Amino acid sequence: MRSLSGTEARRIALWAQGFADPAPKGPVTVQHFKRVIKRLGLLQLDSVQAVCR
């Protein structure tokens, strides 16, 4: 089994979440948002902040 350094693990995690992709040009649309949710496989809402607003 191969071991990963902390730096390698961090880079893999960021890549898997889409942070290696270029940022969208212009305004972010609903399609961008849907693509991120599909890639991550989840959407987490902070209910405390949502209620406070």
N, C-alpha and C. Protein backbone atom coordinates (compact mmCIF):
# COMPACT_ATOMS: atom_id res chain seq x y z
N MET A 1 0.84 -1.16 0.00
CA MET A 1 0.00 0.00 0.00
C MET A 1 0.90 1.24 0.00
N ARG A 2 0.54 2.24 -0.82
CA ARG A 2 1.31 3.47 -0.92
C ARG A 2 0.78 4.49 0.08
N SER A 3 1.67 5.20 0.71
CA SER A 3 1.28 6.27 1.64
C SER A 3 1.27 7.60 0.91
N LEU A 4 0.42 8.51 1.39
CA LEU A 4 0.35 9.86 0.84
C LEU A 4 0.86 10.84 1.87
N SER A 5 1.53 11.87 1.38
CA SER A 5 1.92 12.95 2.28
C SER A 5 0.69 13.82 2.53
N GLY A 6 0.77 14.68 3.51
CA GLY A 6 -0.34 15.60 3.79
C GLY A 6 -0.63 16.49 2.59
N THR A 7 0.43 16.95 1.93
CA THR A 7 0.27 17.81 0.75
C THR A 7 -0.43 17.07 -0.38
N GLU A 8 -0.04 15.82 -0.63
CA GLU A 8 -0.68 15.03 -1.68
C GLU A 8 -2.15 14.79 -1.37
N ALA A 9 -2.46 14.44 -0.13
CA ALA A 9 -3.85 14.20 0.27
C ALA A 9 -4.68 15.46 0.11
N ARG A 10 -4.13 16.60 0.49
CA ARG A 10 -4.84 17.88 0.37
C ARG A 10 -5.12 18.19 -1.10
N ARG A 11 -4.13 18.00 -1.96
CA ARG A 11 -4.31 18.28 -3.40
C ARG A 11 -5.37 17.37 -4.01
N ILE A 12 -5.37 16.10 -3.64
CA ILE A 12 -6.37 15.17 -4.15
C ILE A 12 -7.77 15.57 -3.68
N ALA A 13 -7.90 15.95 -2.42
CA ALA A 13 -9.21 16.36 -1.88
C ALA A 13 -9.72 17.61 -2.58
N LEU A 14 -8.85 18.58 -2.80
CA LEU A 14 -9.26 19.81 -3.48
C LEU A 14 -9.63 19.54 -4.93
N TRP A 15 -8.85 18.69 -5.61
CA TRP A 15 -9.16 18.32 -6.99
C TRP A 15 -10.53 17.64 -7.07
N ALA A 16 -10.80 16.71 -6.16
CA ALA A 16 -12.05 15.96 -6.17
C ALA A 16 -13.26 16.86 -5.96
N GLN A 17 -13.06 17.99 -5.27
CA GLN A 17 -14.15 18.93 -5.02
C GLN A 17 -14.29 19.98 -6.12
N GLY A 18 -13.42 19.92 -7.13
CA GLY A 18 -13.53 20.83 -8.26
C GLY A 18 -12.71 22.10 -8.15
N PHE A 19 -11.89 22.22 -7.12
CA PHE A 19 -11.12 23.45 -6.94
C PHE A 19 -9.97 23.58 -7.93
N ALA A 20 -9.66 22.53 -8.69
CA ALA A 20 -8.62 22.61 -9.71
C ALA A 20 -9.18 23.15 -11.03
N ASP A 21 -10.50 23.16 -11.15
CA ASP A 21 -11.15 23.66 -12.37
C ASP A 21 -11.06 25.19 -12.41
N PRO A 22 -11.02 25.76 -13.61
CA PRO A 22 -11.02 27.22 -13.70
C PRO A 22 -12.35 27.80 -13.21
N ALA A 23 -12.29 28.97 -12.65
CA ALA A 23 -13.51 29.65 -12.18
C ALA A 23 -14.36 30.03 -13.39
N PRO A 24 -15.69 30.03 -13.25
CA PRO A 24 -16.55 30.41 -14.37
C PRO A 24 -16.33 31.87 -14.76
N LYS A 25 -16.43 32.14 -16.04
CA LYS A 25 -16.34 33.51 -16.54
C LYS A 25 -17.72 34.15 -16.41
N GLY A 26 -17.77 35.37 -15.95
CA GLY A 26 -19.04 36.06 -15.83
C GLY A 26 -19.80 35.62 -14.60
N PRO A 27 -21.10 35.92 -14.56
CA PRO A 27 -21.90 35.59 -13.38
C PRO A 27 -22.11 34.08 -13.22
N VAL A 28 -22.20 33.65 -11.99
CA VAL A 28 -22.48 32.24 -11.69
C VAL A 28 -23.97 32.01 -11.85
N THR A 29 -24.32 30.95 -12.56
CA THR A 29 -25.72 30.65 -12.85
C THR A 29 -26.20 29.44 -12.05
N VAL A 30 -27.47 29.15 -12.16
CA VAL A 30 -28.04 27.98 -11.52
C VAL A 30 -27.37 26.71 -12.04
N GLN A 31 -27.02 26.71 -13.33
CA GLN A 31 -26.35 25.54 -13.91
C GLN A 31 -25.01 25.28 -13.24
N HIS A 32 -24.25 26.34 -12.94
CA HIS A 32 -22.99 26.19 -12.22
C HIS A 32 -23.24 25.55 -10.86
N PHE A 33 -24.23 26.06 -10.17
CA PHE A 33 -24.58 25.58 -8.83
C PHE A 33 -24.97 24.10 -8.87
N LYS A 34 -25.81 23.73 -9.84
CA LYS A 34 -26.23 22.34 -9.98
C LYS A 34 -25.04 21.42 -10.28
N ARG A 35 -24.11 21.90 -11.10
CA ARG A 35 -22.93 21.09 -11.44
C ARG A 35 -22.08 20.82 -10.20
N VAL A 36 -21.93 21.83 -9.35
CA VAL A 36 -21.15 21.66 -8.12
C VAL A 36 -21.83 20.65 -7.20
N ILE A 37 -23.14 20.76 -7.02
CA ILE A 37 -23.87 19.83 -6.16
C ILE A 37 -23.76 18.41 -6.70
N LYS A 38 -23.89 18.25 -8.02
CA LYS A 38 -23.78 16.91 -8.62
C LYS A 38 -22.39 16.34 -8.41
N ARG A 39 -21.38 17.18 -8.57
CA ARG A 39 -20.00 16.69 -8.41
C ARG A 39 -19.72 16.29 -6.97
N LEU A 40 -20.17 17.11 -6.02
CA LEU A 40 -19.92 16.81 -4.61
C LEU A 40 -20.84 15.72 -4.07
N GLY A 41 -22.02 15.60 -4.66
CA GLY A 41 -22.96 14.58 -4.23
C GLY A 41 -23.78 14.97 -3.02
N LEU A 42 -23.71 16.25 -2.63
CA LEU A 42 -24.48 16.68 -1.47
C LEU A 42 -24.61 18.19 -1.44
N LEU A 43 -25.54 18.67 -0.64
CA LEU A 43 -25.72 20.09 -0.36
C LEU A 43 -25.98 20.21 1.12
N GLN A 44 -25.13 20.91 1.82
CA GLN A 44 -25.28 21.08 3.27
C GLN A 44 -25.69 22.51 3.56
N LEU A 45 -26.80 22.68 4.25
CA LEU A 45 -27.28 24.00 4.65
C LEU A 45 -27.03 24.20 6.13
N ASP A 46 -26.58 25.37 6.47
CA ASP A 46 -26.37 25.72 7.88
C ASP A 46 -27.69 26.28 8.39
N SER A 47 -28.47 25.45 9.06
CA SER A 47 -29.82 25.85 9.48
C SER A 47 -29.81 27.01 10.47
N VAL A 48 -28.80 27.12 11.30
CA VAL A 48 -28.74 28.22 12.26
C VAL A 48 -28.64 29.54 11.53
N GLN A 49 -27.76 29.63 10.54
CA GLN A 49 -27.63 30.86 9.78
C GLN A 49 -28.89 31.14 8.96
N ALA A 50 -29.51 30.11 8.41
CA ALA A 50 -30.72 30.30 7.61
C ALA A 50 -31.86 30.84 8.47
N VAL A 51 -31.99 30.37 9.70
CA VAL A 51 -33.04 30.83 10.60
C VAL A 51 -32.76 32.25 11.07
N CYS A 52 -31.51 32.56 11.34
CA CYS A 52 -31.15 33.89 11.84
C CYS A 52 -31.36 34.98 10.81
N ARG A 53 -31.27 34.64 9.56
CA ARG A 53 -31.43 35.64 8.51
C ARG A 53 -32.89 35.93 8.32
